[in-house]
Amino acid sequence: MNLITTATLHDLGIHKSDDEEQVLVEHFETTLNERVGMTVIDLLDDDQAKHLMELSKNGDQEETTAWLQKNIPEFEQIAQDEYDILLGELAESADKI
């Protein structure tokens, strides 16, 4: 999944202190994970959703991602779409940040 970097912020015209930029990057990543998670959870049956929650609690991001890619064929596209949407929202509000 694509992640935002401080270079991405700079490309969008967002220049803040290092600490503020790091907060924005972390907020973007958290928001992206939440949005992808909400979209994916709607595609799963109850057993799959329970298994995904258990994987997430264990904190193994690679295992969780591998499971998602195996069980949700469109996972990469969902993640990319949500990334693009969120990046667009960030770009639209860049002058207000």
PDB file of N, CA and C in Angstrom:
ATOM      1  N   MET A   1       0.845  -1.167   0.000  1.00  0.00           N
ATOM      2  CA  MET A   1       0.000   0.000   0.000  1.00  0.00           C
ATOM      3  C   MET A   1       0.895   1.236   0.000  1.00  0.00           C
ATOM      4  N   ASN A   2       0.555   2.182  -0.830  1.00  0.00           N
ATOM      5  CA  ASN A   2       1.312   3.426  -0.866  1.00  0.00           C
ATOM      6  C   ASN A   2       1.122   4.194   0.426  1.00  0.00           C
ATOM      7  N   LEU A   3       2.190   4.803   0.862  1.00  0.00           N
ATOM      8  CA  LEU A   3       2.115   5.648   2.043  1.00  0.00           C
ATOM      9  C   LEU A   3       2.616   7.026   1.683  1.00  0.00           C
ATOM     10  N   ILE A   4       2.173   7.991   2.429  1.00  0.00           N
ATOM     11  CA  ILE A   4       2.582   9.364   2.207  1.00  0.00           C
ATOM     12  C   ILE A   4       3.916   9.618   2.924  1.00  0.00           C
ATOM     13  N   THR A   5       4.697  10.500   2.368  1.00  0.00           N
ATOM     14  CA  THR A   5       5.963  10.890   2.977  1.00  0.00           C
ATOM     15  C   THR A   5       6.002  12.412   3.080  1.00  0.00           C
ATOM     16  N   THR A   6       7.001  12.904   3.753  1.00  0.00           N
ATOM     17  CA  THR A   6       7.143  14.364   3.812  1.00  0.00           C
ATOM     18  C   THR A   6       7.406  14.918   2.416  1.00  0.00           C
ATOM     19  N   ALA A   7       8.056  14.149   1.550  1.00  0.00           N
ATOM     20  CA  ALA A   7       8.270  14.599   0.170  1.00  0.00           C
ATOM     21  C   ALA A   7       6.932  14.750  -0.549  1.00  0.00           C
ATOM     22  N   THR A   8       5.994  13.856  -0.275  1.00  0.00           N
ATOM     23  CA  THR A   8       4.657  13.959  -0.856  1.00  0.00           C
ATOM     24  C   THR A   8       3.988  15.251  -0.388  1.00  0.00           C
ATOM     25  N   LEU A   9       4.121  15.539   0.899  1.00  0.00           N
ATOM     26  CA  LEU A   9       3.556  16.786   1.427  1.00  0.00           C
ATOM     27  C   LEU A   9       4.152  17.985   0.699  1.00  0.00           C
ATOM     28  N   HIS A  10       5.448  17.964   0.508  1.00  0.00           N
ATOM     29  CA  HIS A  10       6.117  19.081  -0.166  1.00  0.00           C
ATOM     30  C   HIS A  10       5.631  19.207  -1.608  1.00  0.00           C
ATOM     31  N   ASP A  11       5.431  18.074  -2.282  1.00  0.00           N
ATOM     32  CA  ASP A  11       4.906  18.093  -3.649  1.00  0.00           C
ATOM     33  C   ASP A  11       3.519  18.729  -3.710  1.00  0.00           C
ATOM     34  N   LEU A  12       2.760  18.588  -2.616  1.00  0.00           N
ATOM     35  CA  LEU A  12       1.420  19.175  -2.543  1.00  0.00           C
ATOM     36  C   LEU A  12       1.454  20.637  -2.105  1.00  0.00           C
ATOM     37  N   GLY A  13       2.647  21.135  -1.807  1.00  0.00           N
ATOM     38  CA  GLY A  13       2.782  22.519  -1.371  1.00  0.00           C
ATOM     39  C   GLY A  13       2.615  22.701   0.123  1.00  0.00           C
ATOM     40  N   ILE A  14       2.710  21.616   0.870  1.00  0.00           N
ATOM     41  CA  ILE A  14       2.565  21.676   2.318  1.00  0.00           C
ATOM     42  C   ILE A  14       3.963  21.657   2.936  1.00  0.00           C
ATOM     43  N   HIS A  15       4.302  22.770   3.567  1.00  0.00           N
ATOM     44  CA  HIS A  15       5.604  22.902   4.209  1.00  0.00           C
ATOM     45  C   HIS A  15       5.380  23.377   5.644  1.00  0.00           C
ATOM     46  N   LYS A  16       5.644  22.494   6.562  1.00  0.00           N
ATOM     47  CA  LYS A  16       5.470  22.782   7.984  1.00  0.00           C
ATOM     48  C   LYS A  16       6.749  22.403   8.706  1.00  0.00           C
ATOM     49  N   SER A  17       6.724  22.544  10.005  1.00  0.00           N
ATOM     50  CA  SER A  17       7.869  22.080  10.781  1.00  0.00           C
ATOM     51  C   SER A  17       7.961  20.567  10.660  1.00  0.00           C
ATOM     52  N   ASP A  18       9.121  20.028  10.959  1.00  0.00           N
ATOM     53  CA  ASP A  18       9.305  18.571  10.874  1.00  0.00           C
ATOM     54  C   ASP A  18       8.289  17.840  11.728  1.00  0.00           C
ATOM     55  N   ASP A  19       8.053  18.346  12.935  1.00  0.00           N
ATOM     56  CA  ASP A  19       7.097  17.701  13.835  1.00  0.00           C
ATOM     57  C   ASP A  19       5.675  17.741  13.269  1.00  0.00           C
ATOM     58  N   GLU A  20       5.270  18.886  12.731  1.00  0.00           N
ATOM     59  CA  GLU A  20       3.928  19.009  12.159  1.00  0.00           C
ATOM     60  C   GLU A  20       3.764  18.112  10.935  1.00  0.00           C
ATOM     61  N   GLU A  21       4.798  18.033  10.113  1.00  0.00           N
ATOM     62  CA  GLU A  21       4.728  17.163   8.945  1.00  0.00           C
ATOM     63  C   GLU A  21       4.631  15.699   9.363  1.00  0.00           C
ATOM     64  N   GLN A  22       5.353  15.323  10.405  1.00  0.00           N
ATOM     65  CA  GLN A  22       5.284  13.941  10.882  1.00  0.00           C
ATOM     66  C   GLN A  22       3.891  13.618  11.406  1.00  0.00           C
ATOM     67  N   VAL A  23       3.270  14.570  12.084  1.00  0.00           N
ATOM     68  CA  VAL A  23       1.904  14.381  12.570  1.00  0.00           C
ATOM     69  C   VAL A  23       0.947  14.192  11.384  1.00  0.00           C
ATOM     70  N   LEU A  24       1.120  14.983  10.332  1.00  0.00           N
ATOM     71  CA  LEU A  24       0.282  14.846   9.140  1.00  0.00           C
ATOM     72  C   LEU A  24       0.471  13.479   8.476  1.00  0.00           C
ATOM     73  N   VAL A  25       1.713  13.041   8.367  1.00  0.00           N
ATOM     74  CA  VAL A  25       2.002  11.735   7.771  1.00  0.00           C
ATOM     75  C   VAL A  25       1.334  10.631   8.586  1.00  0.00           C
ATOM     76  N   GLU A  26       1.469  10.693   9.896  1.00  0.00           N
ATOM     77  CA  GLU A  26       0.860   9.676  10.758  1.00  0.00           C
ATOM     78  C   GLU A  26      -0.662   9.712  10.669  1.00  0.00           C
ATOM     79  N   HIS A  27      -1.232  10.903  10.624  1.00  0.00           N
ATOM     80  CA  HIS A  27      -2.685  11.043  10.498  1.00  0.00           C
ATOM     81  C   HIS A  27      -3.164  10.460   9.171  1.00  0.00           C
ATOM     82  N   PHE A  28      -2.440  10.740   8.100  1.00  0.00           N
ATOM     83  CA  PHE A  28      -2.784  10.213   6.784  1.00  0.00           C
ATOM     84  C   PHE A  28      -2.781   8.688   6.815  1.00  0.00           C
ATOM     85  N   GLU A  29      -1.728   8.110   7.363  1.00  0.00           N
ATOM     86  CA  GLU A  29      -1.604   6.652   7.401  1.00  0.00           C
ATOM     87  C   GLU A  29      -2.711   6.021   8.250  1.00  0.00           C
ATOM     88  N   THR A  30      -3.006   6.635   9.386  1.00  0.00           N
ATOM     89  CA  THR A  30      -4.075   6.120  10.244  1.00  0.00           C
ATOM     90  C   THR A  30      -5.421   6.192   9.530  1.00  0.00           C
ATOM     91  N   THR A  31      -5.691   7.322   8.923  1.00  0.00           N
ATOM     92  CA  THR A  31      -6.950   7.512   8.209  1.00  0.00           C
ATOM     93  C   THR A  31      -7.061   6.539   7.039  1.00  0.00           C
ATOM     94  N   LEU A  32      -5.966   6.359   6.310  1.00  0.00           N
ATOM     95  CA  LEU A  32      -5.956   5.432   5.188  1.00  0.00           C
ATOM     96  C   LEU A  32      -6.250   4.011   5.662  1.00  0.00           C
ATOM     97  N   ASN A  33      -5.592   3.586   6.716  1.00  0.00           N
ATOM     98  CA  ASN A  33      -5.823   2.246   7.249  1.00  0.00           C
ATOM     99  C   ASN A  33      -7.276   2.060   7.691  1.00  0.00           C
ATOM    100  N   GLU A  34      -7.838   3.081   8.323  1.00  0.00           N
ATOM    101  CA  GLU A  34      -9.232   3.001   8.768  1.00  0.00           C
ATOM    102  C   GLU A  34     -10.179   2.881   7.582  1.00  0.00           C
ATOM    103  N   ARG A  35      -9.954   3.687   6.557  1.00  0.00           N
ATOM    104  CA  ARG A  35     -10.845   3.663   5.394  1.00  0.00           C
ATOM    105  C   ARG A  35     -10.747   2.343   4.635  1.00  0.00           C
ATOM    106  N   VAL A  36      -9.537   1.864   4.441  1.00  0.00           N
ATOM    107  CA  VAL A  36      -9.367   0.582   3.758  1.00  0.00           C
ATOM    108  C   VAL A  36     -10.014  -0.516   4.596  1.00  0.00           C
ATOM    109  N   GLY A  37      -9.798  -0.472   5.901  1.00  0.00           N
ATOM    110  CA  GLY A  37     -10.376  -1.466   6.792  1.00  0.00           C
ATOM    111  C   GLY A  37     -11.891  -1.489   6.739  1.00  0.00           C
ATOM    112  N   MET A  38     -12.508  -0.314   6.734  1.00  0.00           N
ATOM    113  CA  MET A  38     -13.973  -0.249   6.679  1.00  0.00           C
ATOM    114  C   MET A  38     -14.503  -0.799   5.359  1.00  0.00           C
ATOM    115  N   THR A  39     -13.813  -0.509   4.276  1.00  0.00           N
ATOM    116  CA  THR A  39     -14.243  -1.009   2.971  1.00  0.00           C
ATOM    117  C   THR A  39     -14.103  -2.523   2.905  1.00  0.00           C
ATOM    118  N   VAL A  40     -12.982  -3.024   3.382  1.00  0.00           N
ATOM    119  CA  VAL A  40     -12.713  -4.462   3.342  1.00  0.00           C
ATOM    120  C   VAL A  40     -13.673  -5.225   4.239  1.00  0.00           C
ATOM    121  N   ILE A  41     -13.925  -4.735   5.418  1.00  0.00           N
ATOM    122  CA  ILE A  41     -14.762  -5.459   6.373  1.00  0.00           C
ATOM    123  C   ILE A  41     -16.170  -5.682   5.806  1.00  0.00           C
ATOM    124  N   ASP A  42     -16.625  -4.744   4.977  1.00  0.00           N
ATOM    125  CA  ASP A  42     -17.942  -4.896   4.350  1.00  0.00           C
ATOM    126  C   ASP A  42     -17.973  -6.042   3.342  1.00  0.00           C
ATOM    127  N   LEU A  43     -16.811  -6.470   2.872  1.00  0.00           N
ATOM    128  CA  LEU A  43     -16.732  -7.537   1.872  1.00  0.00           C
ATOM    129  C   LEU A  43     -16.587  -8.923   2.485  1.00  0.00           C
ATOM    130  N   LEU A  44     -16.387  -8.982   3.795  1.00  0.00           N
ATOM    131  CA  LEU A  44     -16.103 -10.251   4.462  1.00  0.00           C
ATOM    132  C   LEU A  44     -17.345 -10.828   5.134  1.00  0.00           C
ATOM    133  N   ASP A  45     -17.370 -12.164   5.227  1.00  0.00           N
ATOM    134  CA  ASP A  45     -18.413 -12.779   6.036  1.00  0.00           C
ATOM    135  C   ASP A  45     -17.974 -12.709   7.503  1.00  0.00           C
ATOM    136  N   ASP A  46     -18.826 -13.135   8.413  1.00  0.00           N
ATOM    137  CA  ASP A  46     -18.537 -13.000   9.846  1.00  0.00           C
ATOM    138  C   ASP A  46     -17.266 -13.731  10.262  1.00  0.00           C
ATOM    139  N   ASP A  47     -17.069 -14.948   9.748  1.00  0.00           N
ATOM    140  CA  ASP A  47     -15.878 -15.721  10.111  1.00  0.00           C
ATOM    141  C   ASP A  47     -14.605 -15.053   9.595  1.00  0.00           C
ATOM    142  N   GLN A  48     -14.654 -14.566   8.368  1.00  0.00           N
ATOM    143  CA  GLN A  48     -13.493 -13.883   7.808  1.00  0.00           C
ATOM    144  C   GLN A  48     -13.187 -12.601   8.581  1.00  0.00           C
ATOM    145  N   ALA A  49     -14.235 -11.862   8.923  1.00  0.00           N
ATOM    146  CA  ALA A  49     -14.042 -10.622   9.679  1.00  0.00           C
ATOM    147  C   ALA A  49     -13.412 -10.914  11.033  1.00  0.00           C
ATOM    148  N   LYS A  50     -13.877 -11.969  11.695  1.00  0.00           N
ATOM    149  CA  LYS A  50     -13.312 -12.350  12.991  1.00  0.00           C
ATOM    150  C   LYS A  50     -11.841 -12.724  12.836  1.00  0.00           C
ATOM    151  N   HIS A  51     -11.517 -13.485  11.804  1.00  0.00           N
ATOM    152  CA  HIS A  51     -10.133 -13.888  11.572  1.00  0.00           C
ATOM    153  C   HIS A  51      -9.249 -12.668  11.296  1.00  0.00           C
ATOM    154  N   LEU A  52      -9.759 -11.746  10.502  1.00  0.00           N
ATOM    155  CA  LEU A  52      -9.000 -10.528  10.204  1.00  0.00           C
ATOM    156  C   LEU A  52      -8.746  -9.722  11.471  1.00  0.00           C
ATOM    157  N   MET A  53      -9.732  -9.619  12.321  1.00  0.00           N
ATOM    158  CA  MET A  53      -9.558  -8.884  13.582  1.00  0.00           C
ATOM    159  C   MET A  53      -8.482  -9.545  14.442  1.00  0.00           C
ATOM    160  N   GLU A  54      -8.472 -10.875  14.476  1.00  0.00           N
ATOM    161  CA  GLU A  54      -7.450 -11.592  15.241  1.00  0.00           C
ATOM    162  C   GLU A  54      -6.060 -11.340  14.664  1.00  0.00           C
ATOM    163  N   LEU A  55      -5.947 -11.373  13.354  1.00  0.00           N
ATOM    164  CA  LEU A  55      -4.665 -11.089  12.720  1.00  0.00           C
ATOM    165  C   LEU A  55      -4.195  -9.673  13.054  1.00  0.00           C
ATOM    166  N   SER A  56      -5.115  -8.743  12.984  1.00  0.00           N
ATOM    167  CA  SER A  56      -4.781  -7.340  13.267  1.00  0.00           C
ATOM    168  C   SER A  56      -4.326  -7.153  14.709  1.00  0.00           C
ATOM    169  N   LYS A  57      -4.998  -7.842  15.634  1.00  0.00           N
ATOM    170  CA  LYS A  57      -4.611  -7.734  17.046  1.00  0.00           C
ATOM    171  C   LYS A  57      -3.212  -8.256  17.292  1.00  0.00           C
ATOM    172  N   ASN A  58      -2.822  -9.286  16.529  1.00  0.00           N
ATOM    173  CA  ASN A  58      -1.486  -9.858  16.680  1.00  0.00           C
ATOM    174  C   ASN A  58      -0.397  -8.918  16.175  1.00  0.00           C
ATOM    175  N   GLY A  59      -0.780  -7.943  15.363  1.00  0.00           N
ATOM    176  CA  GLY A  59       0.145  -6.899  14.954  1.00  0.00           C
ATOM    177  C   GLY A  59       1.127  -7.268  13.866  1.00  0.00           C
ATOM    178  N   ASP A  60       0.955  -8.418  13.220  1.00  0.00           N
ATOM    179  CA  ASP A  60       1.855  -8.807  12.138  1.00  0.00           C
ATOM    180  C   ASP A  60       1.310  -8.251  10.826  1.00  0.00           C
ATOM    181  N   GLN A  61       1.802  -7.085  10.431  1.00  0.00           N
ATOM    182  CA  GLN A  61       1.286  -6.384   9.259  1.00  0.00           C
ATOM    183  C   GLN A  61       1.487  -7.199   7.981  1.00  0.00           C
ATOM    184  N   GLU A  62       2.628  -7.870   7.852  1.00  0.00           N
ATOM    185  CA  GLU A  62       2.887  -8.649   6.642  1.00  0.00           C
ATOM    186  C   GLU A  62       1.910  -9.813   6.520  1.00  0.00           C
ATOM    187  N   GLU A  63       1.654 -10.502   7.620  1.00  0.00           N
ATOM    188  CA  GLU A  63       0.722 -11.622   7.599  1.00  0.00           C
ATOM    189  C   GLU A  63      -0.693 -11.137   7.295  1.00  0.00           C
ATOM    190  N   THR A  64      -1.077 -10.026   7.896  1.00  0.00           N
ATOM    191  CA  THR A  64      -2.404  -9.462   7.662  1.00  0.00           C
ATOM    192  C   THR A  64      -2.562  -9.069   6.197  1.00  0.00           C
ATOM    193  N   THR A  65      -1.568  -8.395   5.649  1.00  0.00           N
ATOM    194  CA  THR A  65      -1.629  -7.977   4.249  1.00  0.00           C
ATOM    195  C   THR A  65      -1.687  -9.181   3.320  1.00  0.00           C
ATOM    196  N   ALA A  66      -0.888 -10.203   3.606  1.00  0.00           N
ATOM    197  CA  ALA A  66      -0.909 -11.416   2.784  1.00  0.00           C
ATOM    198  C   ALA A  66      -2.293 -12.067   2.825  1.00  0.00           C
ATOM    199  N   TRP A  67      -2.901 -12.122   3.998  1.00  0.00           N
ATOM    200  CA  TRP A  67      -4.237 -12.710   4.131  1.00  0.00           C
ATOM    201  C   TRP A  67      -5.252 -11.900   3.323  1.00  0.00           C
ATOM    202  N   LEU A  68      -5.160 -10.571   3.421  1.00  0.00           N
ATOM    203  CA  LEU A  68      -6.086  -9.713   2.682  1.00  0.00           C
ATOM    204  C   LEU A  68      -5.934  -9.914   1.181  1.00  0.00           C
ATOM    205  N   GLN A  69      -4.702  -9.973   0.706  1.00  0.00           N
ATOM    206  CA  GLN A  69      -4.466 -10.158  -0.726  1.00  0.00           C
ATOM    207  C   GLN A  69      -4.996 -11.504  -1.209  1.00  0.00           C
ATOM    208  N   LYS A  70      -4.923 -12.506  -0.362  1.00  0.00           N
ATOM    209  CA  LYS A  70      -5.406 -13.834  -0.729  1.00  0.00           C
ATOM    210  C   LYS A  70      -6.937 -13.904  -0.720  1.00  0.00           C
ATOM    211  N   ASN A  71      -7.552 -13.263   0.263  1.00  0.00           N
ATOM    212  CA  ASN A  71      -8.994 -13.396   0.465  1.00  0.00           C
ATOM    213  C   ASN A  71      -9.838 -12.291  -0.164  1.00  0.00           C
ATOM    214  N   ILE A  72      -9.214 -11.194  -0.486  1.00  0.00           N
ATOM    215  CA  ILE A  72      -9.914 -10.081  -1.140  1.00  0.00           C
ATOM    216  C   ILE A  72      -9.134  -9.769  -2.429  1.00  0.00           C
ATOM    217  N   PRO A  73      -9.514 -10.374  -3.541  1.00  0.00           N
ATOM    218  CA  PRO A  73      -8.761 -10.189  -4.782  1.00  0.00           C
ATOM    219  C   PRO A  73      -8.581  -8.721  -5.183  1.00  0.00           C
ATOM    220  N   GLU A  74      -9.546  -7.894  -4.829  1.00  0.00           N
ATOM    221  CA  GLU A  74      -9.463  -6.476  -5.211  1.00  0.00           C
ATOM    222  C   GLU A  74      -8.826  -5.610  -4.118  1.00  0.00           C
ATOM    223  N   PHE A  75      -8.153  -6.224  -3.158  1.00  0.00           N
ATOM    224  CA  PHE A  75      -7.579  -5.477  -2.037  1.00  0.00           C
ATOM    225  C   PHE A  75      -6.636  -4.369  -2.500  1.00  0.00           C
ATOM    226  N   GLU A  76      -5.728  -4.682  -3.409  1.00  0.00           N
ATOM    227  CA  GLU A  76      -4.765  -3.670  -3.872  1.00  0.00           C
ATOM    228  C   GLU A  76      -5.478  -2.482  -4.513  1.00  0.00           C
ATOM    229  N   GLN A  77      -6.526  -2.748  -5.278  1.00  0.00           N
ATOM    230  CA  GLN A  77      -7.270  -1.666  -5.917  1.00  0.00           C
ATOM    231  C   GLN A  77      -8.023  -0.834  -4.882  1.00  0.00           C
ATOM    232  N   ILE A  78      -8.599  -1.506  -3.891  1.00  0.00           N
ATOM    233  CA  ILE A  78      -9.293  -0.785  -2.816  1.00  0.00           C
ATOM    234  C   ILE A  78      -8.312   0.140  -2.108  1.00  0.00           C
ATOM    235  N   ALA A  79      -7.150  -0.390  -1.759  1.00  0.00           N
ATOM    236  CA  ALA A  79      -6.138   0.403  -1.065  1.00  0.00           C
ATOM    237  C   ALA A  79      -5.686   1.578  -1.922  1.00  0.00           C
ATOM    238  N   GLN A  80      -5.467   1.346  -3.209  1.00  0.00           N
ATOM    239  CA  GLN A  80      -5.032   2.420  -4.107  1.00  0.00           C
ATOM    240  C   GLN A  80      -6.117   3.484  -4.261  1.00  0.00           C
ATOM    241  N   ASP A  81      -7.355   3.048  -4.405  1.00  0.00           N
ATOM    242  CA  ASP A  81      -8.465   4.007  -4.532  1.00  0.00           C
ATOM    243  C   ASP A  81      -8.578   4.887  -3.294  1.00  0.00           C
ATOM    244  N   GLU A  82      -8.522   4.278  -2.132  1.00  0.00           N
ATOM    245  CA  GLU A  82      -8.621   5.055  -0.888  1.00  0.00           C
ATOM    246  C   GLU A  82      -7.427   5.998  -0.738  1.00  0.00           C
ATOM    247  N   TYR A  83      -6.248   5.539  -1.124  1.00  0.00           N
ATOM    248  CA  TYR A  83      -5.051   6.391  -1.090  1.00  0.00           C
ATOM    249  C   TYR A  83      -5.255   7.610  -1.987  1.00  0.00           C
ATOM    250  N   ASP A  84      -5.711   7.366  -3.221  1.00  0.00           N
ATOM    251  CA  ASP A  84      -5.914   8.456  -4.170  1.00  0.00           C
ATOM    252  C   ASP A  84      -6.952   9.456  -3.666  1.00  0.00           C
ATOM    253  N   ILE A  85      -8.042   8.944  -3.098  1.00  0.00           N
ATOM    254  CA  ILE A  85      -9.084   9.818  -2.564  1.00  0.00           C
ATOM    255  C   ILE A  85      -8.541  10.669  -1.425  1.00  0.00           C
ATOM    256  N   LEU A  86      -7.844  10.041  -0.508  1.00  0.00           N
ATOM    257  CA  LEU A  86      -7.309  10.760   0.647  1.00  0.00           C
ATOM    258  C   LEU A  86      -6.248  11.767   0.231  1.00  0.00           C
ATOM    259  N   LEU A  87      -5.411  11.396  -0.725  1.00  0.00           N
ATOM    260  CA  LEU A  87      -4.389  12.324  -1.225  1.00  0.00           C
ATOM    261  C   LEU A  87      -5.056  13.522  -1.891  1.00  0.00           C
ATOM    262  N   GLY A  88      -6.131  13.272  -2.624  1.00  0.00           N
ATOM    263  CA  GLY A  88      -6.880  14.366  -3.244  1.00  0.00           C
ATOM    264  C   GLY A  88      -7.478  15.298  -2.199  1.00  0.00           C
ATOM    265  N   GLU A  89      -8.012  14.730  -1.140  1.00  0.00           N
ATOM    266  CA  GLU A  89      -8.555  15.553  -0.058  1.00  0.00           C
ATOM    267  C   GLU A  89      -7.464  16.390   0.587  1.00  0.00           C
ATOM    268  N   LEU A  90      -6.310  15.794   0.760  1.00  0.00           N
ATOM    269  CA  LEU A  90      -5.184  16.513   1.345  1.00  0.00           C
ATOM    270  C   LEU A  90      -4.748  17.658   0.426  1.00  0.00           C
ATOM    271  N   ALA A  91      -4.689  17.385  -0.863  1.00  0.00           N
ATOM    272  CA  ALA A  91      -4.288  18.410  -1.834  1.00  0.00           C
ATOM    273  C   ALA A  91      -5.289  19.565  -1.844  1.00  0.00           C
ATOM    274  N   GLU A  92      -6.597  19.229  -1.771  1.00  0.00           N
ATOM    275  CA  GLU A  92      -7.631  20.270  -1.770  1.00  0.00           C
ATOM    276  C   GLU A  92      -7.543  21.168  -0.542  1.00  0.00           C
ATOM    277  N   SER A  93      -7.118  20.616   0.562  1.00  0.00           N
ATOM    278  CA  SER A  93      -7.079  21.392   1.802  1.00  0.00           C
ATOM    279  C   SER A  93      -5.670  21.867   2.146  1.00  0.00           C
ATOM    280  N   ALA A  94      -4.727  21.704   1.227  1.00  0.00           N
ATOM    281  CA  ALA A  94      -3.330  22.044   1.510  1.00  0.00           C
ATOM    282  C   ALA A  94      -3.158  23.490   1.957  1.00  0.00           C
ATOM    283  N   ASP A  95      -3.909  24.396   1.349  1.00  0.00           N
ATOM    284  CA  ASP A  95      -3.755  25.809   1.706  1.00  0.00           C
ATOM    285  C   ASP A  95      -4.345  26.138   3.079  1.00  0.00           C
ATOM    286  N   LYS A  96      -5.143  25.231   3.638  1.00  0.00           N
ATOM    287  CA  LYS A  96      -5.747  25.451   4.949  1.00  0.00           C
ATOM    288  C   LYS A  96      -4.966  24.782   6.077  1.00  0.00           C
ATOM    289  N   ILE A  97      -3.995  23.974   5.680  1.00  0.00           N
ATOM    290  CA  ILE A  97      -3.225  23.227   6.684  1.00  0.00           C
ATOM    291  C   ILE A  97      -2.081  24.071   7.190  1.00  0.00           C
TER     292      ILE A  97
END
